[in-house]
C-alpha atoms as a PDB file:
ATOM      1  CA  MET A   1     151.508 281.841 180.530  1.00  0.00           C
ATOM      2  CA  ARG A   2     152.886 278.618 181.239  1.00  0.00           C
ATOM      3  CA  ARG A   3     153.164 275.987 178.629  1.00  0.00           C
ATOM      4  CA  ILE A   4     153.151 272.400 179.620  1.00  0.00           C
ATOM      5  CA  ARG A   5     154.909 270.205 177.196  1.00  0.00           C
ATOM      6  CA  ARG A   6     153.668 266.661 177.062  1.00  0.00           C
ATOM      7  CA  GLU A   7     155.420 263.956 175.160  1.00  0.00           C
ATOM      8  CA  SER A   8     153.270 261.451 173.503  1.00  0.00           C
ATOM      9  CA  ASP A   9     153.617 257.924 174.842  1.00  0.00           C
ATOM     10  CA  ASP A  10     152.402 256.540 171.536  1.00  0.00           C
ATOM     11  CA  GLN A  11     155.630 257.170 169.672  1.00  0.00           C
ATOM     12  CA  GLN A  12     157.300 253.882 168.669  1.00  0.00           C
ATOM     13  CA  ILE A  13     159.801 252.743 166.118  1.00  0.00           C
ATOM     14  CA  ASP A  14     158.345 250.639 163.345  1.00  0.00           C
ATOM     15  CA  LEU A  15     160.353 247.372 163.238  1.00  0.00           C
ATOM     16  CA  THR A  16     158.606 245.872 160.222  1.00  0.00           C
ATOM     17  CA  PRO A  17     161.214 246.927 157.605  1.00  0.00           C
ATOM     18  CA  MET A  18     164.045 245.614 159.777  1.00  0.00           C
ATOM     19  CA  LEU A  19     162.303 242.264 160.214  1.00  0.00           C
ATOM     20  CA  ASP A  20     161.751 242.054 156.459  1.00  0.00           C
ATOM     21  CA  VAL A  21     165.459 242.582 155.815  1.00  0.00           C
ATOM     22  CA  VAL A  22     166.458 239.964 158.413  1.00  0.00           C
ATOM     23  CA  PHE A  23     164.014 237.453 156.959  1.00  0.00           C
ATOM     24  CA  ILE A  24     165.301 238.018 153.411  1.00  0.00           C
ATOM     25  CA  MET A  25     168.901 237.596 154.599  1.00  0.00           C
ATOM     26  CA  LEU A  26     167.973 234.350 156.343  1.00  0.00           C
ATOM     27  CA  ILE A  27     166.413 232.990 153.160  1.00  0.00           C
ATOM     28  CA  PHE A  28     169.477 234.071 151.156  1.00  0.00           C
ATOM     29  CA  PHE A  29     171.900 232.238 153.462  1.00  0.00           C
ATOM     30  CA  ILE A  30     169.782 229.085 153.531  1.00  0.00           C
ATOM     31  CA  VAL A  31     169.525 228.963 149.745  1.00  0.00           C
ATOM     32  CA  THR A  32     173.200 229.661 149.060  1.00  0.00           C
ATOM     33  CA  THR A  33     174.620 227.279 151.654  1.00  0.00           C
ATOM     34  CA  SER A  34     176.292 224.193 150.271  1.00  0.00           C
ATOM     35  CA  PHE A  35     175.429 221.116 152.264  1.00  0.00           C
ATOM     36  CA  VAL A  36     178.081 218.413 152.545  1.00  0.00           C
ATOM     37  CA  ARG A  37     176.730 214.886 152.726  1.00  0.00           C
ATOM     38  CA  GLU A  38     178.844 212.755 155.016  1.00  0.00           C
ATOM     39  CA  THR A  39     179.569 209.095 154.373  1.00  0.00           C
ATOM     40  CA  GLY A  40     178.429 207.896 157.800  1.00  0.00           C
ATOM     41  CA  ILE A  41     181.555 205.987 158.850  1.00  0.00           C
ATOM     42  CA  ASP A  42     184.978 206.875 160.228  1.00  0.00           C
ATOM     43  CA  VAL A  43     187.903 206.078 157.976  1.00  0.00           C
ATOM     44  CA  ASN A  44     191.623 206.210 158.755  1.00  0.00           C
ATOM     45  CA  ARG A  45     192.774 208.351 155.812  1.00  0.00           C
ATOM     46  CA  PRO A  46     196.323 208.191 154.543  1.00  0.00           C
ATOM     47  CA  SER A  47     198.392 211.325 155.015  1.00  0.00           C
ATOM     48  CA  ALA A  48     200.052 213.249 152.214  1.00  0.00           C
ATOM     49  CA  SER A  49     202.319 216.268 152.295  1.00  0.00           C
ATOM     50  CA  THR A  50     200.726 217.642 149.093  1.00  0.00           C
ATOM     51  CA  ALA A  51     197.145 217.330 150.330  1.00  0.00           C
ATOM     52  CA  GLU A  52     194.927 220.372 149.838  1.00  0.00           C
ATOM     53  CA  LYS A  53     191.729 221.430 151.544  1.00  0.00           C
ATOM     54  CA  LYS A  54     188.679 221.275 149.313  1.00  0.00           C
ATOM     55  CA  SER A  55     185.752 223.406 150.411  1.00  0.00           C
ATOM     56  CA  LYS A  56     183.039 221.966 148.182  1.00  0.00           C
ATOM     57  CA  GLY A  57     182.208 218.362 147.559  1.00  0.00           C
ATOM     58  CA  ASN A  58     178.667 217.218 148.041  1.00  0.00           C
ATOM     59  CA  ILE A  59     178.976 213.535 147.193  1.00  0.00           C
ATOM     60  CA  MET A  60     181.229 211.513 149.474  1.00  0.00           C
ATOM     61  CA  ILE A  61     182.033 207.802 149.178  1.00  0.00           C
ATOM     62  CA  ALA A  62     183.915 205.886 151.871  1.00  0.00           C
ATOM     63  CA  ILE A  63     185.889 202.666 151.459  1.00  0.00           C
ATOM     64  CA  LYS A  64     186.587 200.715 154.649  1.00  0.00           C
ATOM     65  CA  PRO A  65     189.670 198.534 155.183  1.00  0.00           C
ATOM     66  CA  ASN A  66     187.657 195.367 154.540  1.00  0.00           C
ATOM     67  CA  GLY A  67     186.479 196.697 151.144  1.00  0.00           C
ATOM     68  CA  GLU A  68     182.973 197.824 152.140  1.00  0.00           C
ATOM     69  CA  ILE A  69     181.725 200.847 150.201  1.00  0.00           C
ATOM     70  CA  TRP A  70     179.578 203.395 152.043  1.00  0.00           C
ATOM     71  CA  LEU A  71     177.552 206.103 150.345  1.00  0.00           C
ATOM     72  CA  ASP A  72     174.967 208.390 151.919  1.00  0.00           C
ATOM     73  CA  LYS A  73     175.288 206.626 155.331  1.00  0.00           C
ATOM     74  CA  ARG A  74     174.515 203.170 153.951  1.00  0.00           C
ATOM     75  CA  HIS A  75     176.488 200.211 152.680  1.00  0.00           C
ATOM     76  CA  VAL A  76     176.313 199.796 148.879  1.00  0.00           C
ATOM     77  CA  ASP A  77     177.596 197.149 146.491  1.00  0.00           C
ATOM     78  CA  ILE A  78     180.124 198.078 143.802  1.00  0.00           C
ATOM     79  CA  ARG A  79     177.439 197.462 141.160  1.00  0.00           C
ATOM     80  CA  ALA A  80     175.120 200.022 142.798  1.00  0.00           C
ATOM     81  CA  VAL A  81     177.697 202.831 142.955  1.00  0.00           C
ATOM     82  CA  ARG A  82     177.003 204.039 139.402  1.00  0.00           C
ATOM     83  CA  ALA A  83     173.224 204.308 139.877  1.00  0.00           C
ATOM     84  CA  ASN A  84     173.594 206.050 143.247  1.00  0.00           C
ATOM     85  CA  ILE A  85     176.088 208.560 141.853  1.00  0.00           C
ATOM     86  CA  GLN A  86     173.785 209.309 138.914  1.00  0.00           C
ATOM     87  CA  ARG A  87     170.895 209.892 141.339  1.00  0.00           C
ATOM     88  CA  LEU A  88     172.955 212.205 143.568  1.00  0.00           C
ATOM     89  CA  LYS A  89     174.441 214.009 140.567  1.00  0.00           C
ATOM     90  CA  ALA A  90     170.919 214.749 139.322  1.00  0.00           C
ATOM     91  CA  LYS A  91     170.115 216.194 142.747  1.00  0.00           C
ATOM     92  CA  PHE A  92     173.370 218.217 142.998  1.00  0.00           C
ATOM     93  CA  PRO A  93     174.473 219.000 139.400  1.00  0.00           C
ATOM     94  CA  GLN A  94     177.446 221.221 140.334  1.00  0.00           C
ATOM     95  CA  SER A  95     178.889 218.832 142.896  1.00  0.00           C
ATOM     96  CA  SER A  96     182.049 216.782 142.738  1.00  0.00           C
ATOM     97  CA  VAL A  97     182.759 213.359 144.221  1.00  0.00           C
ATOM     98  CA  ILE A  98     185.209 212.822 147.069  1.00  0.00           C
ATOM     99  CA  ILE A  99     186.403 209.291 147.813  1.00  0.00           C
ATOM    100  CA  VAL A 100     187.437 208.767 151.432  1.00  0.00           C
ATOM    101  CA  SER A 101     189.463 205.577 151.308  1.00  0.00           C
ATOM    102  CA  ASP A 102     191.025 203.956 154.369  1.00  0.00           C
ATOM    103  CA  ALA A 103     194.815 203.665 154.358  1.00  0.00           C
ATOM    104  CA  GLU A 104     194.495 199.869 154.732  1.00  0.00           C
ATOM    105  CA  SER A 105     191.952 199.390 151.911  1.00  0.00           C
ATOM    106  CA  ARG A 106     192.925 197.739 148.642  1.00  0.00           C
ATOM    107  CA  THR A 107     193.642 199.945 145.651  1.00  0.00           C
ATOM    108  CA  GLY A 108     191.710 197.590 143.392  1.00  0.00           C
ATOM    109  CA  ILE A 109     188.463 198.548 145.122  1.00  0.00           C
ATOM    110  CA  LEU A 110     189.398 202.224 144.826  1.00  0.00           C
ATOM    111  CA  VAL A 111     190.000 201.880 141.073  1.00  0.00           C
ATOM    112  CA  LYS A 112     186.681 200.044 140.597  1.00  0.00           C
ATOM    113  CA  VAL A 113     184.819 202.770 142.510  1.00  0.00           C
ATOM    114  CA  MET A 114     186.508 205.501 140.440  1.00  0.00           C
ATOM    115  CA  ASP A 115     185.579 203.639 137.259  1.00  0.00           C
ATOM    116  CA  GLN A 116     181.918 203.437 138.314  1.00  0.00           C
ATOM    117  CA  ILE A 117     181.922 207.168 139.134  1.00  0.00           C
ATOM    118  CA  ARG A 118     183.315 208.029 135.710  1.00  0.00           C
ATOM    119  CA  LEU A 119     180.741 205.767 134.041  1.00  0.00           C
ATOM    120  CA  ALA A 120     178.071 207.739 135.914  1.00  0.00           C
ATOM    121  CA  GLY A 121     179.250 210.861 134.093  1.00  0.00           C
ATOM    122  CA  VAL A 122     181.271 212.549 136.828  1.00  0.00           C
ATOM    123  CA  GLN A 123     184.757 213.667 135.842  1.00  0.00           C
ATOM    124  CA  ASN A 124     185.591 215.731 138.945  1.00  0.00           C
ATOM    125  CA  ILE A 125     186.792 213.074 141.415  1.00  0.00           C
ATOM    126  CA  SER A 126     189.017 213.694 144.443  1.00  0.00           C
ATOM    127  CA  ILE A 127     190.632 211.280 146.884  1.00  0.00           C
ATOM    128  CA  ALA A 128     190.653 212.495 150.479  1.00  0.00           C
ATOM    129  CA  ALA A 129     193.860 212.431 152.495  1.00  0.00           C
ATOM    130  CA  SER A 130     194.800 213.983 155.789  1.00  0.00           C
ATOM    131  CA  ILE A 131     197.344 216.781 155.645  1.00  0.00           C
ATOM    132  CA  ASP A 132     200.792 215.610 156.720  1.00  0.00           C
ATOM    133  CA  GLN A 133     202.049 217.917 159.474  1.00  0.00           C
ATOM    134  CA  LYS A 134     205.861 217.825 159.479  1.00  0.00           C
END
């Protein structure tokens, strides 16, 4: 007797568990990603040989050479810095503030901005500088 062996064409691999795992991983990476909010302007930062890279810093403030203060891609007055920092700090409680000051800007403006940030309740303030490559 001859036996004819037929393979079933209905055999398929169930991809549902794999898609569930990929979807869960996607949600995990979206939730854990730290989003950096840019200032919206280009600033010529001073260079420093002791500058360090900082990976996290959600709130960025820029000071232009003419003394304009930029926060969240819009120009703000020095009197509005405190309220804006408090609003952003409520949104991102674990964030720090990075001040990106132009090399030609006045230090008086920088000190006033730092004072407003401290009055808003933020103690973790950094000043951005480009790394000096010697």
